[in-house]
Amino acid sequence: MDFLSVRIITDDVARLAGFYEKATGLTAVWSTPEFAEIRTRRATLALSSLGNIEPLVPGATAPSANRSVIIEFLVEDVDAIYANVSGLATEVVKQPTTMPWGNRSLLVRDADGNLLNFFAPVTAAAKEKFAH
């Protein structure tokens, strides 16, 4: 088994795709006007409209309602990401901070309020963990 992706259901795929394009520097890959993906080397962040999922499983999802998941991105430079997203994020939850476990981390909310962690290992132990 391999973990492949996380899908966010949103009321505005284009707006959310634009946020992630600016935040990550990656270009969204569009399958339809209602479905886009931000593809990284390790996984994919899929963005889908409520209209894509609602007819299949009515009431199963609710855009902009998540308060229990953190989507994490391993990045080269947390401070550069902070410069990219500080005007885009709906909230900067925690400015760039080096955490006790050795990662420099930035917590923000995307355009739908989903919590994101952009982090980079900065200590030798943290770097070793993500070396593979």
C-alpha atoms as a PDB file:
ATOM      1  CA  MET A   1       0.000   0.000   0.000  1.00  0.00           C
ATOM      2  CA  ASP A   2       1.124   3.552  -0.657  1.00  0.00           C
ATOM      3  CA  PHE A   3      -0.383   6.835   0.508  1.00  0.00           C
ATOM      4  CA  LEU A   4      -1.210   8.817  -2.606  1.00  0.00           C
ATOM      5  CA  SER A   5      -3.248  11.942  -1.950  1.00  0.00           C
ATOM      6  CA  VAL A   6      -5.504  14.124   0.128  1.00  0.00           C
ATOM      7  CA  ARG A   7      -8.578  15.676  -1.486  1.00  0.00           C
ATOM      8  CA  ILE A   8     -10.083  18.956  -0.345  1.00  0.00           C
ATOM      9  CA  ILE A   9     -13.708  19.628  -1.246  1.00  0.00           C
ATOM     10  CA  THR A  10     -14.238  23.323  -1.900  1.00  0.00           C
ATOM     11  CA  ASP A  11     -16.821  25.784  -3.177  1.00  0.00           C
ATOM     12  CA  ASP A  12     -14.167  27.426  -5.391  1.00  0.00           C
ATOM     13  CA  VAL A  13     -11.586  25.137  -6.996  1.00  0.00           C
ATOM     14  CA  ALA A  14      -9.928  27.934  -8.989  1.00  0.00           C
ATOM     15  CA  ARG A  15      -9.457  30.145  -5.915  1.00  0.00           C
ATOM     16  CA  LEU A  16      -7.986  27.294  -3.859  1.00  0.00           C
ATOM     17  CA  ALA A  17      -5.778  26.106  -6.732  1.00  0.00           C
ATOM     18  CA  GLY A  18      -4.468  29.664  -7.103  1.00  0.00           C
ATOM     19  CA  PHE A  19      -3.631  29.775  -3.403  1.00  0.00           C
ATOM     20  CA  TYR A  20      -1.680  26.512  -3.577  1.00  0.00           C
ATOM     21  CA  GLU A  21       0.091  27.509  -6.789  1.00  0.00           C
ATOM     22  CA  LYS A  22       1.346  30.711  -5.152  1.00  0.00           C
ATOM     23  CA  ALA A  23       2.183  29.007  -1.863  1.00  0.00           C
ATOM     24  CA  THR A  24       4.095  26.075  -3.379  1.00  0.00           C
ATOM     25  CA  GLY A  25       5.380  27.449  -6.674  1.00  0.00           C
ATOM     26  CA  LEU A  26       3.810  24.411  -8.397  1.00  0.00           C
ATOM     27  CA  THR A  27       1.289  24.572 -11.229  1.00  0.00           C
ATOM     28  CA  ALA A  28      -2.093  22.936 -10.755  1.00  0.00           C
ATOM     29  CA  VAL A  29      -2.916  20.124 -13.177  1.00  0.00           C
ATOM     30  CA  TRP A  30      -6.582  20.420 -14.207  1.00  0.00           C
ATOM     31  CA  SER A  31      -8.624  17.347 -15.197  1.00  0.00           C
ATOM     32  CA  THR A  32     -11.878  19.307 -15.445  1.00  0.00           C
ATOM     33  CA  PRO A  33     -12.944  22.835 -14.397  1.00  0.00           C
ATOM     34  CA  GLU A  34     -14.105  21.220 -11.134  1.00  0.00           C
ATOM     35  CA  PHE A  35     -10.997  19.146 -10.304  1.00  0.00           C
ATOM     36  CA  ALA A  36      -7.332  20.105 -10.027  1.00  0.00           C
ATOM     37  CA  GLU A  37      -4.233  18.556  -8.488  1.00  0.00           C
ATOM     38  CA  ILE A  38      -1.098  19.998  -6.946  1.00  0.00           C
ATOM     39  CA  ARG A  39       1.404  17.198  -7.558  1.00  0.00           C
ATOM     40  CA  THR A  40       4.582  16.871  -5.540  1.00  0.00           C
ATOM     41  CA  ARG A  41       7.299  14.238  -5.721  1.00  0.00           C
ATOM     42  CA  ARG A  42       5.783  12.293  -2.810  1.00  0.00           C
ATOM     43  CA  ALA A  43       2.025  12.914  -2.929  1.00  0.00           C
ATOM     44  CA  THR A  44      -0.823  14.861  -4.502  1.00  0.00           C
ATOM     45  CA  LEU A  45      -3.173  17.460  -3.090  1.00  0.00           C
ATOM     46  CA  ALA A  46      -6.441  17.092  -5.007  1.00  0.00           C
ATOM     47  CA  LEU A  47      -8.993  19.911  -5.128  1.00  0.00           C
ATOM     48  CA  SER A  48     -12.568  19.112  -6.056  1.00  0.00           C
ATOM     49  CA  SER A  49     -15.820  20.994  -6.167  1.00  0.00           C
ATOM     50  CA  LEU A  50     -18.716  19.987  -3.946  1.00  0.00           C
ATOM     51  CA  GLY A  51     -20.680  19.439  -7.171  1.00  0.00           C
ATOM     52  CA  ASN A  52     -18.348  16.573  -8.106  1.00  0.00           C
ATOM     53  CA  ILE A  53     -18.928  14.611  -4.907  1.00  0.00           C
ATOM     54  CA  GLU A  54     -22.416  15.587  -3.701  1.00  0.00           C
ATOM     55  CA  PRO A  55     -24.387  13.617  -6.348  1.00  0.00           C
ATOM     56  CA  LEU A  56     -22.393  10.478  -5.505  1.00  0.00           C
ATOM     57  CA  VAL A  57     -22.508  10.684  -1.707  1.00  0.00           C
ATOM     58  CA  PRO A  58     -25.011  13.337  -0.624  1.00  0.00           C
ATOM     59  CA  GLY A  59     -24.099  15.097   2.608  1.00  0.00           C
ATOM     60  CA  ALA A  60     -20.756  13.314   3.018  1.00  0.00           C
ATOM     61  CA  THR A  61     -18.632  16.459   2.685  1.00  0.00           C
ATOM     62  CA  ALA A  62     -18.855  20.123   3.650  1.00  0.00           C
ATOM     63  CA  PRO A  63     -16.490  22.726   2.164  1.00  0.00           C
ATOM     64  CA  SER A  64     -14.587  24.993   4.562  1.00  0.00           C
ATOM     65  CA  ALA A  65     -15.599  22.930   7.621  1.00  0.00           C
ATOM     66  CA  ASN A  66     -12.333  21.176   8.557  1.00  0.00           C
ATOM     67  CA  ARG A  67     -10.792  21.806  11.993  1.00  0.00           C
ATOM     68  CA  SER A  68      -9.195  18.394  12.625  1.00  0.00           C
ATOM     69  CA  VAL A  69      -6.553  17.837   9.913  1.00  0.00           C
ATOM     70  CA  ILE A  70      -3.218  19.508   9.213  1.00  0.00           C
ATOM     71  CA  ILE A  71      -1.900  19.244   5.652  1.00  0.00           C
ATOM     72  CA  GLU A  72       1.900  19.241   5.725  1.00  0.00           C
ATOM     73  CA  PHE A  73       4.412  20.271   3.085  1.00  0.00           C
ATOM     74  CA  LEU A  74       8.127  19.533   3.362  1.00  0.00           C
ATOM     75  CA  VAL A  75       9.817  22.629   1.889  1.00  0.00           C
ATOM     76  CA  GLU A  76      13.315  23.975   1.336  1.00  0.00           C
ATOM     77  CA  ASP A  77      12.829  27.381   2.972  1.00  0.00           C
ATOM     78  CA  VAL A  78      10.020  28.058   5.452  1.00  0.00           C
ATOM     79  CA  ASP A  79      10.752  31.780   5.571  1.00  0.00           C
ATOM     80  CA  ALA A  80      10.440  32.078   1.777  1.00  0.00           C
ATOM     81  CA  ILE A  81       7.082  30.295   1.946  1.00  0.00           C
ATOM     82  CA  TYR A  82       6.013  32.723   4.674  1.00  0.00           C
ATOM     83  CA  ALA A  83       6.825  35.617   2.347  1.00  0.00           C
ATOM     84  CA  ASN A  84       4.725  33.950  -0.406  1.00  0.00           C
ATOM     85  CA  VAL A  85       1.645  33.186   1.687  1.00  0.00           C
ATOM     86  CA  SER A  86       1.474  35.911   4.320  1.00  0.00           C
ATOM     87  CA  GLY A  87      -0.855  38.002   2.159  1.00  0.00           C
ATOM     88  CA  LEU A  88      -2.790  34.998   0.805  1.00  0.00           C
ATOM     89  CA  ALA A  89      -3.499  32.962   3.915  1.00  0.00           C
ATOM     90  CA  THR A  90      -6.742  33.632   5.723  1.00  0.00           C
ATOM     91  CA  GLU A  91      -4.791  33.346   8.989  1.00  0.00           C
ATOM     92  CA  VAL A  92      -1.168  32.962  10.020  1.00  0.00           C
ATOM     93  CA  VAL A  93      -1.583  30.600  12.966  1.00  0.00           C
ATOM     94  CA  LYS A  94       2.122  30.464  13.882  1.00  0.00           C
ATOM     95  CA  GLN A  95       4.886  32.458  12.220  1.00  0.00           C
ATOM     96  CA  PRO A  96       8.070  30.568  11.250  1.00  0.00           C
ATOM     97  CA  THR A  97       9.382  28.914  14.400  1.00  0.00           C
ATOM     98  CA  THR A  98      11.986  26.240  15.058  1.00  0.00           C
ATOM     99  CA  MET A  99      10.186  23.504  16.938  1.00  0.00           C
ATOM    100  CA  PRO A 100      11.739  21.421  19.773  1.00  0.00           C
ATOM    101  CA  TRP A 101      11.910  18.346  17.472  1.00  0.00           C
ATOM    102  CA  GLY A 102      14.126  20.161  14.961  1.00  0.00           C
ATOM    103  CA  ASN A 103      11.794  21.396  12.224  1.00  0.00           C
ATOM    104  CA  ARG A 104      11.302  25.018  11.275  1.00  0.00           C
ATOM    105  CA  SER A 105       7.556  25.333  10.849  1.00  0.00           C
ATOM    106  CA  LEU A 106       4.927  27.768   9.580  1.00  0.00           C
ATOM    107  CA  LEU A 107       1.232  27.178  10.295  1.00  0.00           C
ATOM    108  CA  VAL A 108      -1.350  28.994   8.159  1.00  0.00           C
ATOM    109  CA  ARG A 109      -4.922  28.543   6.988  1.00  0.00           C
ATOM    110  CA  ASP A 110      -5.640  28.346   3.263  1.00  0.00           C
ATOM    111  CA  ALA A 111      -8.453  30.189   1.491  1.00  0.00           C
ATOM    112  CA  ASP A 112     -10.989  27.633   2.832  1.00  0.00           C
ATOM    113  CA  GLY A 113      -9.615  27.665   6.383  1.00  0.00           C
ATOM    114  CA  ASN A 114      -7.728  24.348   6.180  1.00  0.00           C
ATOM    115  CA  LEU A 115      -4.683  24.248   8.449  1.00  0.00           C
ATOM    116  CA  LEU A 116      -1.333  23.896   6.660  1.00  0.00           C
ATOM    117  CA  ASN A 117       2.123  23.226   8.045  1.00  0.00           C
ATOM    118  CA  PHE A 118       5.053  24.202   5.831  1.00  0.00           C
ATOM    119  CA  PHE A 119       8.180  22.779   7.457  1.00  0.00           C
ATOM    120  CA  ALA A 120      11.880  22.177   6.868  1.00  0.00           C
ATOM    121  CA  PRO A 121      14.163  20.043   9.009  1.00  0.00           C
ATOM    122  CA  VAL A 122      16.962  22.185  10.453  1.00  0.00           C
ATOM    123  CA  THR A 123      18.711  19.996  13.050  1.00  0.00           C
ATOM    124  CA  ALA A 124      20.891  17.017  12.126  1.00  0.00           C
ATOM    125  CA  ALA A 125      18.373  14.562  13.637  1.00  0.00           C
ATOM    126  CA  ALA A 126      15.436  16.107  11.773  1.00  0.00           C
ATOM    127  CA  LYS A 127      17.390  16.176   8.498  1.00  0.00           C
ATOM    128  CA  GLU A 128      18.262  12.493   8.917  1.00  0.00           C
ATOM    129  CA  LYS A 129      14.588  11.610   9.356  1.00  0.00           C
ATOM    130  CA  PHE A 130      13.692  13.122   5.977  1.00  0.00           C
ATOM    131  CA  ALA A 131      16.851  12.129   4.079  1.00  0.00           C
ATOM    132  CA  HIS A 132      15.190   9.200   2.279  1.00  0.00           C
END
